[in-house]
Amino acid sequence: MANPTSMRGYLIEVIKPKLPTTWTFLASPYITDAVTRVTCSLELTRVERFSEAGQAVRRITYNLNVIQPTGRFVDAADAVDDALVLLLDALDDIEGLVWTVAEKGVTGQDQPAYAVSMTFTYSKPTPEPTKEK
């Protein structure tokens, strides 16, 4: 993976175009409005030193949450399962991004959801050498 200036910005850039246009994509895990259509949100969950790869290399883990709007709960649960399959298919097409597990749950508003754990590596940028005058 290239070293973007923003890890979250990189994920938005590579994931959003792969999602159905009818979905909502939020850069934050904080959902302030009612979910009225399938919604994905990003949440940074873990940063690890990846010492095997070098001092300044990190393993970054985000959850990409996929949330189904509430209707009849049984119907919504089935629909979020289908949305998950679409999401995982899209993630499989992104080079350098690895999803490892999708865990089912519900949001605080009792909407069925999955949290998909995605991991990538990030190398600390090396500073540009200073030029003497």
C-alpha atoms as a PDB file:
ATOM      1  CA  MET A   1       0.000   0.000   0.000  1.00  0.00           C
ATOM      2  CA  ALA A   2       1.178   3.508  -0.696  1.00  0.00           C
ATOM      3  CA  ASN A   3       1.632   5.756   2.291  1.00  0.00           C
ATOM      4  CA  PRO A   4      -1.298   8.149   2.239  1.00  0.00           C
ATOM      5  CA  THR A   5      -1.349  11.343   4.242  1.00  0.00           C
ATOM      6  CA  SER A   6      -4.500  10.070   5.951  1.00  0.00           C
ATOM      7  CA  MET A   7      -5.174   6.417   6.723  1.00  0.00           C
ATOM      8  CA  ARG A   8      -8.909   7.067   6.970  1.00  0.00           C
ATOM      9  CA  GLY A   9      -8.784   9.118   3.770  1.00  0.00           C
ATOM     10  CA  TYR A  10      -7.075   6.232   1.990  1.00  0.00           C
ATOM     11  CA  LEU A  11      -9.786   3.796   3.061  1.00  0.00           C
ATOM     12  CA  ILE A  12     -12.542   6.153   1.960  1.00  0.00           C
ATOM     13  CA  GLU A  13     -10.797   6.609  -1.385  1.00  0.00           C
ATOM     14  CA  VAL A  14     -10.479   2.882  -2.103  1.00  0.00           C
ATOM     15  CA  ILE A  15     -13.694   1.547  -0.539  1.00  0.00           C
ATOM     16  CA  LYS A  16     -16.407   4.100  -1.329  1.00  0.00           C
ATOM     17  CA  PRO A  17     -16.291   3.691  -5.132  1.00  0.00           C
ATOM     18  CA  LYS A  18     -16.710  -0.088  -4.723  1.00  0.00           C
ATOM     19  CA  LEU A  19     -19.975   0.193  -2.779  1.00  0.00           C
ATOM     20  CA  PRO A  20     -23.457   0.365  -4.282  1.00  0.00           C
ATOM     21  CA  THR A  21     -24.451   3.987  -4.936  1.00  0.00           C
ATOM     22  CA  THR A  22     -27.612   3.480  -2.874  1.00  0.00           C
ATOM     23  CA  TRP A  23     -25.549   2.988   0.293  1.00  0.00           C
ATOM     24  CA  THR A  24     -24.412   5.719   2.663  1.00  0.00           C
ATOM     25  CA  PHE A  25     -20.716   5.799   3.576  1.00  0.00           C
ATOM     26  CA  LEU A  26     -19.642   7.602   6.767  1.00  0.00           C
ATOM     27  CA  ALA A  27     -16.022   8.387   7.579  1.00  0.00           C
ATOM     28  CA  SER A  28     -16.798   8.162  11.301  1.00  0.00           C
ATOM     29  CA  PRO A  29     -18.325   5.453  13.493  1.00  0.00           C
ATOM     30  CA  TYR A  30     -20.623   8.034  15.104  1.00  0.00           C
ATOM     31  CA  ILE A  31     -24.063   7.839  13.545  1.00  0.00           C
ATOM     32  CA  THR A  32     -26.118  10.869  14.470  1.00  0.00           C
ATOM     33  CA  ASP A  33     -29.049  10.490  12.065  1.00  0.00           C
ATOM     34  CA  ALA A  34     -31.534   7.668  11.660  1.00  0.00           C
ATOM     35  CA  VAL A  35     -30.276   4.970   9.310  1.00  0.00           C
ATOM     36  CA  THR A  36     -32.711   4.883   6.385  1.00  0.00           C
ATOM     37  CA  ARG A  37     -30.584   2.854   3.965  1.00  0.00           C
ATOM     38  CA  VAL A  38     -27.623   0.476   4.190  1.00  0.00           C
ATOM     39  CA  THR A  39     -24.846   2.438   5.868  1.00  0.00           C
ATOM     40  CA  CYS A  40     -21.122   1.763   6.251  1.00  0.00           C
ATOM     41  CA  SER A  41     -18.991   3.531   8.839  1.00  0.00           C
ATOM     42  CA  LEU A  42     -15.255   3.426   9.599  1.00  0.00           C
ATOM     43  CA  GLU A  43     -13.787   2.909  13.048  1.00  0.00           C
ATOM     44  CA  LEU A  44     -10.067   2.728  13.879  1.00  0.00           C
ATOM     45  CA  THR A  45      -9.754  -0.132  16.357  1.00  0.00           C
ATOM     46  CA  ARG A  46      -6.069  -1.013  16.639  1.00  0.00           C
ATOM     47  CA  VAL A  47      -2.559   0.103  15.764  1.00  0.00           C
ATOM     48  CA  GLU A  48       0.270  -2.385  16.312  1.00  0.00           C
ATOM     49  CA  ARG A  49       4.000  -2.128  15.843  1.00  0.00           C
ATOM     50  CA  PHE A  50       4.922  -4.498  13.028  1.00  0.00           C
ATOM     51  CA  SER A  51       8.496  -4.979  14.195  1.00  0.00           C
ATOM     52  CA  GLU A  52       9.189  -7.875  11.820  1.00  0.00           C
ATOM     53  CA  ALA A  53       8.875  -5.392   8.951  1.00  0.00           C
ATOM     54  CA  GLY A  54      10.955  -2.576  10.458  1.00  0.00           C
ATOM     55  CA  GLN A  55      10.977   0.065  13.160  1.00  0.00           C
ATOM     56  CA  ALA A  56       8.539   2.464  11.490  1.00  0.00           C
ATOM     57  CA  VAL A  57       6.036  -0.027  10.086  1.00  0.00           C
ATOM     58  CA  ARG A  58       2.630  -0.344  11.707  1.00  0.00           C
ATOM     59  CA  ARG A  59      -0.243  -2.748  11.288  1.00  0.00           C
ATOM     60  CA  ILE A  60      -3.470  -0.740  11.229  1.00  0.00           C
ATOM     61  CA  THR A  61      -6.889  -2.273  11.898  1.00  0.00           C
ATOM     62  CA  TYR A  62     -10.196  -0.603  11.150  1.00  0.00           C
ATOM     63  CA  ASN A  63     -13.694  -1.930  11.491  1.00  0.00           C
ATOM     64  CA  LEU A  64     -15.944  -1.233   8.565  1.00  0.00           C
ATOM     65  CA  ASN A  65     -19.419  -1.454  10.015  1.00  0.00           C
ATOM     66  CA  VAL A  66     -22.310  -2.286   7.701  1.00  0.00           C
ATOM     67  CA  ILE A  67     -25.716  -1.403   9.165  1.00  0.00           C
ATOM     68  CA  GLN A  68     -29.156  -2.291   7.859  1.00  0.00           C
ATOM     69  CA  PRO A  69     -32.085   0.066   8.456  1.00  0.00           C
ATOM     70  CA  THR A  70     -34.669  -1.328  10.818  1.00  0.00           C
ATOM     71  CA  GLY A  71     -37.882  -2.712   9.443  1.00  0.00           C
ATOM     72  CA  ARG A  72     -39.208  -6.046  10.485  1.00  0.00           C
ATOM     73  CA  PHE A  73     -36.174  -7.337  12.362  1.00  0.00           C
ATOM     74  CA  VAL A  74     -36.195 -10.732  10.606  1.00  0.00           C
ATOM     75  CA  ASP A  75     -36.244  -9.048   7.187  1.00  0.00           C
ATOM     76  CA  ALA A  76     -33.528  -6.587   8.238  1.00  0.00           C
ATOM     77  CA  ALA A  77     -31.345  -9.423   9.564  1.00  0.00           C
ATOM     78  CA  ASP A  78     -31.607 -11.239   6.223  1.00  0.00           C
ATOM     79  CA  ALA A  79     -30.917  -8.025   4.318  1.00  0.00           C
ATOM     80  CA  VAL A  80     -27.781  -7.200   6.331  1.00  0.00           C
ATOM     81  CA  ASP A  81     -26.469 -10.696   5.577  1.00  0.00           C
ATOM     82  CA  ASP A  82     -26.891  -9.950   1.858  1.00  0.00           C
ATOM     83  CA  ALA A  83     -25.258  -6.517   2.283  1.00  0.00           C
ATOM     84  CA  LEU A  84     -22.315  -8.176   4.018  1.00  0.00           C
ATOM     85  CA  VAL A  85     -21.723 -10.479   1.039  1.00  0.00           C
ATOM     86  CA  LEU A  86     -21.670  -7.460  -1.312  1.00  0.00           C
ATOM     87  CA  LEU A  87     -19.281  -5.618   0.999  1.00  0.00           C
ATOM     88  CA  LEU A  88     -16.857  -8.538   1.342  1.00  0.00           C
ATOM     89  CA  ASP A  89     -16.834  -9.053  -2.421  1.00  0.00           C
ATOM     90  CA  ALA A  90     -15.908  -5.373  -2.843  1.00  0.00           C
ATOM     91  CA  LEU A  91     -13.167  -5.557  -0.193  1.00  0.00           C
ATOM     92  CA  ASP A  92     -11.664  -8.631  -1.878  1.00  0.00           C
ATOM     93  CA  ASP A  93     -11.015  -6.456  -4.942  1.00  0.00           C
ATOM     94  CA  ILE A  94      -8.850  -3.931  -3.059  1.00  0.00           C
ATOM     95  CA  GLU A  95      -5.172  -4.814  -3.268  1.00  0.00           C
ATOM     96  CA  GLY A  96      -3.232  -4.510  -0.015  1.00  0.00           C
ATOM     97  CA  LEU A  97      -6.339  -4.489   2.181  1.00  0.00           C
ATOM     98  CA  VAL A  98      -7.140  -7.672   4.064  1.00  0.00           C
ATOM     99  CA  TRP A  99     -10.385  -8.297   5.881  1.00  0.00           C
ATOM    100  CA  THR A 100     -10.068 -10.993   8.514  1.00  0.00           C
ATOM    101  CA  VAL A 101     -13.410 -11.454  10.250  1.00  0.00           C
ATOM    102  CA  ALA A 102     -16.975 -10.159  10.143  1.00  0.00           C
ATOM    103  CA  GLU A 103     -18.839 -10.243  13.438  1.00  0.00           C
ATOM    104  CA  LYS A 104     -22.599  -9.869  13.632  1.00  0.00           C
ATOM    105  CA  GLY A 105     -24.159  -7.513  16.122  1.00  0.00           C
ATOM    106  CA  VAL A 106     -26.704  -4.743  16.475  1.00  0.00           C
ATOM    107  CA  THR A 107     -26.368  -0.981  16.812  1.00  0.00           C
ATOM    108  CA  GLY A 108     -27.614   1.041  19.759  1.00  0.00           C
ATOM    109  CA  GLN A 109     -30.831   1.539  17.799  1.00  0.00           C
ATOM    110  CA  ASP A 110     -31.327  -2.238  17.482  1.00  0.00           C
ATOM    111  CA  GLN A 111     -30.375  -2.292  13.822  1.00  0.00           C
ATOM    112  CA  PRO A 112     -28.688  -5.455  12.575  1.00  0.00           C
ATOM    113  CA  ALA A 113     -25.068  -4.870  11.652  1.00  0.00           C
ATOM    114  CA  TYR A 114     -21.709  -6.475  11.002  1.00  0.00           C
ATOM    115  CA  ALA A 115     -18.274  -5.199  11.989  1.00  0.00           C
ATOM    116  CA  VAL A 116     -15.737  -6.237   9.356  1.00  0.00           C
ATOM    117  CA  SER A 117     -12.159  -6.121  10.627  1.00  0.00           C
ATOM    118  CA  MET A 118      -9.710  -4.868   7.967  1.00  0.00           C
ATOM    119  CA  THR A 119      -5.944  -4.691   8.311  1.00  0.00           C
ATOM    120  CA  PHE A 120      -3.224  -3.022   6.282  1.00  0.00           C
ATOM    121  CA  THR A 121       0.350  -1.939   6.874  1.00  0.00           C
ATOM    122  CA  TYR A 122       1.549   1.630   7.050  1.00  0.00           C
ATOM    123  CA  SER A 123       5.143   2.858   6.990  1.00  0.00           C
ATOM    124  CA  LYS A 124       6.074   6.075   8.695  1.00  0.00           C
ATOM    125  CA  PRO A 125       7.113   8.543   5.983  1.00  0.00           C
ATOM    126  CA  THR A 126      10.798   9.404   5.931  1.00  0.00           C
ATOM    127  CA  PRO A 127      11.459  13.126   6.168  1.00  0.00           C
ATOM    128  CA  GLU A 128      12.779  14.938   3.147  1.00  0.00           C
ATOM    129  CA  PRO A 129      16.486  15.757   3.550  1.00  0.00           C
ATOM    130  CA  THR A 130      17.076  19.403   4.296  1.00  0.00           C
ATOM    131  CA  LYS A 131      19.035  21.342   1.757  1.00  0.00           C
ATOM    132  CA  GLU A 132      21.773  23.633   2.960  1.00  0.00           C
ATOM    133  CA  LYS A 133      21.907  27.137   1.526  1.00  0.00           C
END
